[in-house]
Structure formats: structure tokens, C-alpha cells
Amino acid sequence: MSRVAETVAAIGIPLAWSNWALPALGLGIRGRTVANAGFATGFATVCHATPNWFSAKGFRYGIVAASLVATGYGVALTIPSVRRGLSEFEGRAPEVSPAEWIAVHIPISTVYSEEMIFRAALDPLLDNAFGSRAGSVLGALTFGLWHVHPARAAGDSVPASIAATAAGGVALGWLRRRTGSVTAPALLHLAINAGGALAPRIARLIGTPRT
């Protein structure tokens, strides 16, 4: 297979999985988590990915990035108007308990799966084929398109979801390139998603003072 064909396949296969094959299976959230993790592991293996999970540099960068995100959520929760807005998202929980969602499905189905597919496997392939600058753009765009079906299923704006997740993909990809490890982007990814699940619940518990 030529490099062009390999690159097209590496871009197309994850998009087909996320936006067509996985939804077509009709699995519940637990089944989707298992399927996503299995697909990610297989995809990364076929692509000869080297995630370098135990990188000390990856841990350092990741802890700093995650701490900044956690601080941002903490500051947001101190602002009544922002807290009121966050509390409105609490009803968007999946069909499992919040503890299971945050402790199992976010780390495995979202963080592990997406970091293995995109930062461990796809980004290095794109960098080798097109250079790091173009690879960064293509990888981030593919990451955005990965979220088309999830955005539709949640009733979110598809263009806005693509733009937001592609922007996130740029930051996550930069961390992988900077550290040579998926640990840093994984920790940032976990902080963003787990914080996004926790913050609305904390906002509801704190409440918003009447004006």
C-alpha cells in the first residue's frame, strides 16, 4: 500500500468507525466503551503506534496542563452567572451513574481511545507524510470530524462541535509533539472532560444566589 493510500485509510477508518460503524451497532454506553477501547487498541497496533505512556516529561507537562484546567473550572464556579450556566448542563448525563461515567467511561472510552487513535497513531503518521505543521492541521480536523455523530446525538451544533474539538486537537497534538508521549495530552483531555462532567454538578450543589 502506498503512503497516500495508508494516510487516506488512517484518516477515513476512524471517521467511519465513530460516525457510522459504532452507532450502527446500537450498543449501550458500556458496550460502546468496550468497543471503542478495542477499536483504538487495534488501530494503534496496526499503525505501529508508540504512545510512550510512562514518559516523565509527559507526566510533567500533563500535570501542569491539567492543573490549569482544574483552576479554570474552579474560578468559573466562583462566578454566579457562569455557575448558573454550568448548572443547566447537569441534565445531560448519560445512562449510568455520574461516578461510573467519570471513573470509567471518560477515561477509557474517551481519553484512552481518542489519544491512542489520534495522538499515538494518526498524528505521527500525518507528520511523517506531510510534515508537523500540515500534520497538526489534518490531525486536528480529523479529530473534529470524529465528533460529528456524537454532536448530532446530543443535539449540539455540528459545526460548533467540529470547530471546538478541532481546536482542542491542536492543543492535544502540540503536547504530544512537545513531549513525545500521549501521557500529557491524555491528562489534559481527562481534566477537560472529567471537569466538564463534575462542574455542572458542583454548580448545582453550590447553587446560585437570588438577585
Protein backbone atom coordinates (compact mmCIF):
# COMPACT_ATOMS: atom_id res chain seq x y z
CA MET A 1 0.00 0.00 0.00
CA SER A 2 1.36 3.45 -0.93
CA ARG A 3 1.91 6.16 1.66
CA VAL A 4 -1.00 8.16 0.22
CA ALA A 5 -3.34 5.17 0.48
CA GLU A 6 -2.16 4.46 4.03
CA THR A 7 -2.78 8.06 5.02
CA VAL A 8 -6.27 8.14 3.47
CA ALA A 9 -7.12 4.89 5.25
CA ALA A 10 -5.72 6.15 8.56
CA ILE A 11 -7.96 9.22 8.31
CA GLY A 12 -11.04 7.50 6.95
CA ILE A 13 -11.22 4.40 9.13
CA PRO A 14 -11.59 6.22 12.48
CA LEU A 15 -14.18 8.58 10.99
CA ALA A 16 -16.18 5.65 9.61
CA TRP A 17 -15.97 3.94 12.99
CA SER A 18 -17.14 6.91 15.06
CA ASN A 19 -19.80 8.27 12.73
CA TRP A 20 -21.19 5.10 11.15
CA ALA A 21 -19.99 1.70 12.40
CA LEU A 22 -20.16 2.27 16.16
CA PRO A 23 -23.62 3.95 16.06
CA ALA A 24 -24.89 1.17 13.78
CA LEU A 25 -24.03 -1.42 16.45
CA GLY A 26 -26.72 0.04 18.70
CA LEU A 27 -24.76 -0.64 21.88
CA GLY A 28 -25.40 0.83 25.30
CA ILE A 29 -22.78 3.00 26.92
CA ARG A 30 -20.89 0.07 28.46
CA GLY A 31 -20.79 -1.76 25.16
CA ARG A 32 -19.61 1.38 23.38
CA THR A 33 -16.80 1.81 25.89
CA VAL A 34 -15.57 -1.74 25.32
CA ALA A 35 -15.93 -1.42 21.55
CA ASN A 36 -14.18 1.95 21.40
CA ALA A 37 -11.26 0.76 23.51
CA GLY A 38 -10.92 -2.38 21.41
CA PHE A 39 -11.02 -0.43 18.16
CA ALA A 40 -8.47 2.10 19.44
CA THR A 41 -6.08 -0.61 20.59
CA GLY A 42 -6.36 -2.47 17.28
CA PHE A 43 -5.97 0.70 15.21
CA ALA A 44 -2.90 1.81 17.16
CA THR A 45 -1.38 -1.66 16.86
CA VAL A 46 -1.86 -1.77 13.09
CA CYS A 47 -0.33 1.72 12.82
CA HIS A 48 2.68 0.64 14.96
CA ALA A 49 1.92 3.44 17.42
CA THR A 50 4.33 4.17 20.26
CA PRO A 51 2.28 6.00 22.91
CA ASN A 52 5.16 6.16 25.42
CA TRP A 53 2.75 6.24 28.36
CA PHE A 54 5.45 6.26 31.05
CA SER A 55 7.27 9.38 29.88
CA ALA A 56 8.41 11.56 32.79
CA LYS A 57 8.24 14.62 30.55
CA GLY A 58 4.73 13.63 29.52
CA PHE A 59 3.66 13.43 33.15
CA ARG A 60 5.18 16.81 33.96
CA TYR A 61 3.55 18.63 31.08
CA GLY A 62 0.28 16.80 31.59
CA ILE A 63 0.04 17.60 35.28
CA VAL A 64 0.68 21.28 34.61
CA ALA A 65 -1.90 21.40 31.81
CA ALA A 66 -4.49 19.51 33.86
CA SER A 67 -3.88 21.80 36.84
CA LEU A 68 -4.54 24.85 34.70
CA VAL A 69 -7.82 23.37 33.51
CA ALA A 70 -8.86 22.46 37.06
CA THR A 71 -8.04 26.01 38.18
CA GLY A 72 -10.14 27.37 35.33
CA TYR A 73 -13.13 25.29 36.38
CA GLY A 74 -12.61 26.37 39.98
CA VAL A 75 -12.59 30.06 39.04
CA ALA A 76 -15.66 29.61 36.84
CA LEU A 77 -17.58 28.10 39.76
CA THR A 78 -16.94 31.23 41.85
CA ILE A 79 -18.76 33.44 39.33
CA PRO A 80 -22.55 33.32 39.88
CA SER A 81 -23.54 33.91 36.27
CA VAL A 82 -21.14 31.25 35.00
CA ARG A 83 -22.18 28.86 37.75
CA ARG A 84 -25.81 29.33 36.75
CA GLY A 85 -24.97 28.46 33.17
CA LEU A 86 -22.98 25.39 34.19
CA SER A 87 -25.80 24.10 36.35
CA GLU A 88 -28.06 23.91 33.28
CA PHE A 89 -25.85 21.18 31.79
CA GLU A 90 -26.35 18.74 34.65
CA GLY A 91 -29.33 17.10 32.96
CA ARG A 92 -27.14 15.91 30.07
CA ALA A 93 -25.78 12.93 31.99
CA PRO A 94 -25.56 9.55 30.23
CA GLU A 95 -27.49 6.43 31.24
CA VAL A 96 -25.09 5.45 34.03
CA SER A 97 -24.27 6.92 37.42
CA PRO A 98 -22.07 10.04 37.47
CA ALA A 99 -19.39 8.07 39.34
CA GLU A 100 -19.26 5.36 36.67
CA TRP A 101 -19.31 7.94 33.87
CA ILE A 102 -16.41 9.90 35.33
CA ALA A 103 -14.33 6.98 36.66
CA VAL A 104 -14.79 4.50 33.80
CA HIS A 105 -16.28 5.79 30.58
CA ILE A 106 -14.49 9.13 30.28
CA PRO A 107 -11.02 7.67 30.96
CA ILE A 108 -11.47 4.58 28.78
CA SER A 109 -13.99 5.32 26.02
CA THR A 110 -12.99 8.94 25.51
CA VAL A 111 -9.48 9.65 26.75
CA TYR A 112 -7.71 6.33 26.17
CA SER A 113 -9.47 5.59 22.89
CA GLU A 114 -9.09 9.02 21.34
CA GLU A 115 -5.49 9.51 22.46
CA MET A 116 -4.48 6.11 21.11
CA ILE A 117 -6.18 6.76 17.78
CA PHE A 118 -5.24 10.38 17.22
CA ARG A 119 -2.13 11.33 19.19
CA ALA A 120 -0.43 7.92 19.32
CA ALA A 121 -1.27 6.62 15.84
CA LEU A 122 -2.65 9.22 13.44
CA ASP A 123 -0.60 12.31 14.27
CA PRO A 124 2.82 10.65 13.79
CA LEU A 125 1.65 9.14 10.51
CA LEU A 126 0.44 12.53 9.25
CA ASP A 127 3.63 14.23 10.46
CA ASN A 128 5.73 11.74 8.52
CA ALA A 129 3.62 12.14 5.40
CA PHE A 130 3.10 15.92 5.36
CA GLY A 131 5.37 17.49 7.99
CA SER A 132 4.40 18.54 11.51
CA ARG A 133 2.59 21.76 10.54
CA ALA A 134 0.28 20.22 7.97
CA GLY A 135 0.03 17.05 10.06
CA SER A 136 -1.16 19.10 13.01
CA VAL A 137 -3.91 20.73 10.94
CA LEU A 138 -5.06 17.47 9.34
CA GLY A 139 -4.97 15.59 12.64
CA ALA A 140 -6.97 18.29 14.42
CA LEU A 141 -9.54 18.46 11.61
CA THR A 142 -9.96 14.68 11.66
CA PHE A 143 -10.39 14.83 15.43
CA GLY A 144 -13.12 17.41 14.93
CA LEU A 145 -14.90 15.28 12.32
CA TRP A 146 -14.73 12.27 14.67
CA HIS A 147 -17.31 14.13 16.80
CA VAL A 148 -19.97 14.64 14.10
CA HIS A 149 -22.27 11.82 15.19
CA PRO A 150 -21.83 12.46 18.94
CA ALA A 151 -22.77 16.11 18.36
CA ARG A 152 -25.88 15.12 16.42
CA ALA A 153 -26.86 12.57 19.06
CA ALA A 154 -26.53 15.22 21.79
CA GLY A 155 -28.46 17.82 19.79
CA ASP A 156 -25.44 20.12 19.61
CA SER A 157 -24.38 22.30 16.70
CA VAL A 158 -22.26 20.12 14.44
CA PRO A 159 -20.12 22.97 13.01
CA ALA A 160 -19.51 24.36 16.51
CA SER A 161 -18.61 20.91 17.83
CA ILE A 162 -16.19 20.31 14.97
CA ALA A 163 -14.55 23.69 15.49
CA ALA A 164 -14.25 23.27 19.26
CA THR A 165 -12.89 19.74 19.16
CA ALA A 166 -10.53 20.57 16.30
CA ALA A 167 -9.15 23.45 18.37
CA GLY A 168 -8.73 21.05 21.25
CA GLY A 169 -7.00 18.64 18.89
CA VAL A 170 -4.40 21.30 18.08
CA ALA A 171 -3.56 21.72 21.76
CA LEU A 172 -3.52 17.98 22.43
CA GLY A 173 -1.37 17.35 19.37
CA TRP A 174 1.07 20.06 20.42
CA LEU A 175 1.52 18.37 23.78
CA ARG A 176 2.20 15.04 22.12
CA ARG A 177 4.76 16.59 19.79
CA ARG A 178 6.37 18.54 22.61
CA THR A 179 6.76 15.57 24.93
CA GLY A 180 6.91 12.60 22.55
CA SER A 181 4.23 10.95 24.67
CA VAL A 182 0.45 10.65 24.79
CA THR A 183 0.52 10.99 28.57
CA ALA A 184 0.48 14.79 28.52
CA PRO A 185 -2.50 15.14 26.14
CA ALA A 186 -4.30 12.31 27.94
CA LEU A 187 -4.05 14.09 31.29
CA LEU A 188 -5.24 17.35 29.75
CA HIS A 189 -8.05 15.54 27.94
CA LEU A 190 -9.10 13.83 31.17
CA ALA A 191 -9.11 17.10 33.09
CA ILE A 192 -11.27 18.82 30.46
CA ASN A 193 -13.84 16.04 30.16
CA ALA A 194 -13.99 15.00 33.81
CA GLY A 195 -14.14 18.65 34.82
CA GLY A 196 -16.93 19.20 32.32
CA ALA A 197 -18.88 16.37 33.93
CA LEU A 198 -18.19 17.45 37.52
CA ALA A 199 -18.55 21.23 37.23
CA PRO A 200 -22.31 21.26 36.46
CA ARG A 201 -22.99 19.00 39.45
CA ILE A 202 -20.85 21.16 41.73
CA ALA A 203 -22.59 24.27 40.39
CA ARG A 204 -25.99 22.73 41.20
CA LEU A 205 -24.83 21.79 44.71
CA ILE A 206 -23.45 25.25 45.42
CA GLY A 207 -26.48 26.95 43.97
CA THR A 208 -26.77 30.47 42.66
CA PRO A 209 -27.81 33.34 44.93
CA ARG A 210 -31.09 35.01 44.03
CA THR A 211 -30.84 38.53 42.70
